[in-house]
Amino acid sequence: LQQFQYLELPVILRYKVVDRRFGFHFLGGLSSNFLVGNSAYYQDGTDREHIGATSNIRPVNYSSVVGLGVDYSISKRFHVNLEPTFRYCLNSINTGSVIKSHPYTIGFYTGLLYTF
């Protein structure tokens, strides 16, 4: 079992297509991902033993971000938001290997927005 932890610094642009009580927008951008954790484990049933770290992992990766968003206006300044997004690693996370790995994630982000 391998676990990688990244600190993500995104730059995302949103374009509002529908600006009413129910709003709709597209989003896209790029993220820089900095490796902050790298652990490898041996797992046998329910037992897990830390055996070290995975070698040849790139310390900085870049990924693309695309998504759609729907928001509901509670008032002129407050909105409830739902954004399904897709992130895809543009460069391989491993170095010096014949096999290239480009992980991706699908997320559903929600929240309360305040605009000014």
C-alpha atoms as a PDB file:
ATOM      1  CA  LEU A   1       0.000   0.000   0.000  1.00  0.00           C
ATOM      2  CA  GLN A   2       1.342   3.430  -0.946  1.00  0.00           C
ATOM      3  CA  GLN A   3       0.134   6.773   0.377  1.00  0.00           C
ATOM      4  CA  PHE A   4       1.128  10.140  -1.077  1.00  0.00           C
ATOM      5  CA  GLN A   5       0.100  13.451   0.462  1.00  0.00           C
ATOM      6  CA  TYR A   6       0.227  16.699  -1.502  1.00  0.00           C
ATOM      7  CA  LEU A   7      -0.221  20.369  -0.711  1.00  0.00           C
ATOM      8  CA  GLU A   8      -2.202  21.861  -3.593  1.00  0.00           C
ATOM      9  CA  LEU A   9      -1.967  25.495  -4.707  1.00  0.00           C
ATOM     10  CA  PRO A  10      -4.710  26.023  -7.322  1.00  0.00           C
ATOM     11  CA  VAL A  11      -5.326  28.918  -9.700  1.00  0.00           C
ATOM     12  CA  ILE A  12      -8.924  28.548 -10.850  1.00  0.00           C
ATOM     13  CA  LEU A  13     -11.122  30.838 -12.945  1.00  0.00           C
ATOM     14  CA  ARG A  14     -14.907  30.723 -12.834  1.00  0.00           C
ATOM     15  CA  TYR A  15     -17.146  31.958 -15.639  1.00  0.00           C
ATOM     16  CA  LYS A  16     -20.763  32.504 -14.696  1.00  0.00           C
ATOM     17  CA  VAL A  17     -23.113  31.510 -17.517  1.00  0.00           C
ATOM     18  CA  VAL A  18     -26.430  32.006 -15.736  1.00  0.00           C
ATOM     19  CA  ASP A  19     -26.673  34.764 -13.121  1.00  0.00           C
ATOM     20  CA  ARG A  20     -30.072  34.306 -11.472  1.00  0.00           C
ATOM     21  CA  ARG A  21     -31.357  32.841  -8.218  1.00  0.00           C
ATOM     22  CA  PHE A  22     -30.073  29.487  -9.505  1.00  0.00           C
ATOM     23  CA  GLY A  23     -26.718  30.238 -11.103  1.00  0.00           C
ATOM     24  CA  PHE A  24     -24.556  28.082 -13.328  1.00  0.00           C
ATOM     25  CA  HIS A  25     -20.821  28.438 -14.031  1.00  0.00           C
ATOM     26  CA  PHE A  26     -17.842  26.721 -15.602  1.00  0.00           C
ATOM     27  CA  LEU A  27     -14.469  26.554 -13.905  1.00  0.00           C
ATOM     28  CA  GLY A  28     -10.985  25.676 -15.037  1.00  0.00           C
ATOM     29  CA  GLY A  29      -7.388  26.179 -14.094  1.00  0.00           C
ATOM     30  CA  LEU A  30      -4.075  24.708 -13.045  1.00  0.00           C
ATOM     31  CA  SER A  31      -2.708  23.449  -9.737  1.00  0.00           C
ATOM     32  CA  SER A  32       0.794  23.045  -8.399  1.00  0.00           C
ATOM     33  CA  ASN A  33       1.020  20.029  -6.105  1.00  0.00           C
ATOM     34  CA  PHE A  34       3.874  19.723  -3.608  1.00  0.00           C
ATOM     35  CA  LEU A  35       4.673  16.301  -2.129  1.00  0.00           C
ATOM     36  CA  VAL A  36       4.549  16.533   1.689  1.00  0.00           C
ATOM     37  CA  GLY A  37       4.056  12.853   2.589  1.00  0.00           C
ATOM     38  CA  ASN A  38       5.286   9.600   1.071  1.00  0.00           C
ATOM     39  CA  SER A  39       4.719   6.297   2.901  1.00  0.00           C
ATOM     40  CA  ALA A  40       4.758   2.644   1.898  1.00  0.00           C
ATOM     41  CA  TYR A  41       3.103  -0.104   3.945  1.00  0.00           C
ATOM     42  CA  TYR A  42       2.918  -3.881   3.896  1.00  0.00           C
ATOM     43  CA  GLN A  43      -0.605  -5.036   4.665  1.00  0.00           C
ATOM     44  CA  ASP A  44      -1.584  -8.594   5.571  1.00  0.00           C
ATOM     45  CA  GLY A  45      -5.270  -8.819   6.374  1.00  0.00           C
ATOM     46  CA  THR A  46      -5.877  -6.252   9.093  1.00  0.00           C
ATOM     47  CA  ASP A  47      -2.184  -5.920  10.036  1.00  0.00           C
ATOM     48  CA  ARG A  48      -0.288  -2.999   8.504  1.00  0.00           C
ATOM     49  CA  GLU A  49       3.442  -2.377   8.808  1.00  0.00           C
ATOM     50  CA  HIS A  50       5.275   0.777   7.690  1.00  0.00           C
ATOM     51  CA  ILE A  51       8.171  -0.302   5.426  1.00  0.00           C
ATOM     52  CA  GLY A  52       9.468   3.075   4.208  1.00  0.00           C
ATOM     53  CA  ALA A  53       8.804   5.396   1.299  1.00  0.00           C
ATOM     54  CA  THR A  54       8.349   4.990  -2.435  1.00  0.00           C
ATOM     55  CA  SER A  55      11.407   6.044  -4.421  1.00  0.00           C
ATOM     56  CA  ASN A  56      11.455   8.053  -7.663  1.00  0.00           C
ATOM     57  CA  ILE A  57       8.395  10.180  -6.834  1.00  0.00           C
ATOM     58  CA  ARG A  58       8.426  13.668  -8.330  1.00  0.00           C
ATOM     59  CA  PRO A  59       8.356  16.334  -5.553  1.00  0.00           C
ATOM     60  CA  VAL A  60       6.247  18.819  -7.613  1.00  0.00           C
ATOM     61  CA  ASN A  61       3.446  17.937 -10.017  1.00  0.00           C
ATOM     62  CA  TYR A  62       1.061  20.031 -12.090  1.00  0.00           C
ATOM     63  CA  SER A  63      -2.560  19.215 -12.730  1.00  0.00           C
ATOM     64  CA  SER A  64      -5.448  20.605 -14.720  1.00  0.00           C
ATOM     65  CA  VAL A  65      -8.782  21.371 -13.092  1.00  0.00           C
ATOM     66  CA  VAL A  66     -12.152  21.510 -14.883  1.00  0.00           C
ATOM     67  CA  GLY A  67     -15.653  21.538 -13.506  1.00  0.00           C
ATOM     68  CA  LEU A  68     -19.194  22.822 -13.443  1.00  0.00           C
ATOM     69  CA  GLY A  69     -20.875  24.716 -10.677  1.00  0.00           C
ATOM     70  CA  VAL A  70     -24.392  25.390  -9.535  1.00  0.00           C
ATOM     71  CA  ASP A  71     -25.213  27.965  -6.900  1.00  0.00           C
ATOM     72  CA  TYR A  72     -28.359  29.128  -5.179  1.00  0.00           C
ATOM     73  CA  SER A  73     -28.609  32.756  -4.015  1.00  0.00           C
ATOM     74  CA  ILE A  74     -29.793  33.039  -0.427  1.00  0.00           C
ATOM     75  CA  SER A  75     -29.346  36.814  -0.586  1.00  0.00           C
ATOM     76  CA  LYS A  76     -27.495  39.301  -2.784  1.00  0.00           C
ATOM     77  CA  ARG A  77     -24.135  38.401  -1.135  1.00  0.00           C
ATOM     78  CA  PHE A  78     -24.595  34.800   0.150  1.00  0.00           C
ATOM     79  CA  HIS A  79     -24.819  31.723  -2.076  1.00  0.00           C
ATOM     80  CA  VAL A  80     -24.857  27.954  -1.515  1.00  0.00           C
ATOM     81  CA  ASN A  81     -22.553  26.228  -3.991  1.00  0.00           C
ATOM     82  CA  LEU A  82     -22.062  22.730  -5.479  1.00  0.00           C
ATOM     83  CA  GLU A  83     -19.126  22.068  -7.823  1.00  0.00           C
ATOM     84  CA  PRO A  84     -18.305  18.674  -9.310  1.00  0.00           C
ATOM     85  CA  THR A  85     -14.683  18.879 -10.518  1.00  0.00           C
ATOM     86  CA  PHE A  86     -12.150  16.711 -12.319  1.00  0.00           C
ATOM     87  CA  ARG A  87      -8.380  17.002 -11.719  1.00  0.00           C
ATOM     88  CA  TYR A  88      -5.815  15.282 -13.934  1.00  0.00           C
ATOM     89  CA  CYS A  89      -2.057  15.207 -13.308  1.00  0.00           C
ATOM     90  CA  LEU A  90      -0.359  16.654 -16.412  1.00  0.00           C
ATOM     91  CA  ASN A  91       3.077  15.169 -15.727  1.00  0.00           C
ATOM     92  CA  SER A  92       3.831  11.686 -14.423  1.00  0.00           C
ATOM     93  CA  ILE A  93       4.204  11.490 -10.629  1.00  0.00           C
ATOM     94  CA  ASN A  94       7.039   8.986 -10.939  1.00  0.00           C
ATOM     95  CA  THR A  95      10.491   9.621 -12.410  1.00  0.00           C
ATOM     96  CA  GLY A  96      12.926   7.205 -14.037  1.00  0.00           C
ATOM     97  CA  SER A  97      10.306   4.592 -14.852  1.00  0.00           C
ATOM     98  CA  VAL A  98       9.043   3.086 -18.079  1.00  0.00           C
ATOM     99  CA  ILE A  99       5.524   3.105 -16.660  1.00  0.00           C
ATOM    100  CA  LYS A 100       4.087   6.615 -16.352  1.00  0.00           C
ATOM    101  CA  SER A 101       1.410   7.350 -13.756  1.00  0.00           C
ATOM    102  CA  HIS A 102      -1.003  10.288 -14.220  1.00  0.00           C
ATOM    103  CA  PRO A 103      -3.467  10.117 -11.308  1.00  0.00           C
ATOM    104  CA  TYR A 104      -6.821  11.858 -11.431  1.00  0.00           C
ATOM    105  CA  THR A 105      -9.475  12.768  -8.893  1.00  0.00           C
ATOM    106  CA  ILE A 106     -13.167  13.495  -9.108  1.00  0.00           C
ATOM    107  CA  GLY A 107     -14.572  15.670  -6.340  1.00  0.00           C
ATOM    108  CA  PHE A 108     -17.831  17.259  -5.300  1.00  0.00           C
ATOM    109  CA  TYR A 109     -17.236  20.503  -3.460  1.00  0.00           C
ATOM    110  CA  THR A 110     -19.933  22.332  -1.546  1.00  0.00           C
ATOM    111  CA  GLY A 111     -19.943  25.463   0.503  1.00  0.00           C
ATOM    112  CA  LEU A 112     -21.310  28.825   1.409  1.00  0.00           C
ATOM    113  CA  LEU A 113     -20.011  31.710  -0.722  1.00  0.00           C
ATOM    114  CA  TYR A 114     -19.833  35.360   0.178  1.00  0.00           C
ATOM    115  CA  THR A 115     -19.325  37.750  -2.731  1.00  0.00           C
ATOM    116  CA  PHE A 116     -18.193  41.354  -2.468  1.00  0.00           C
END
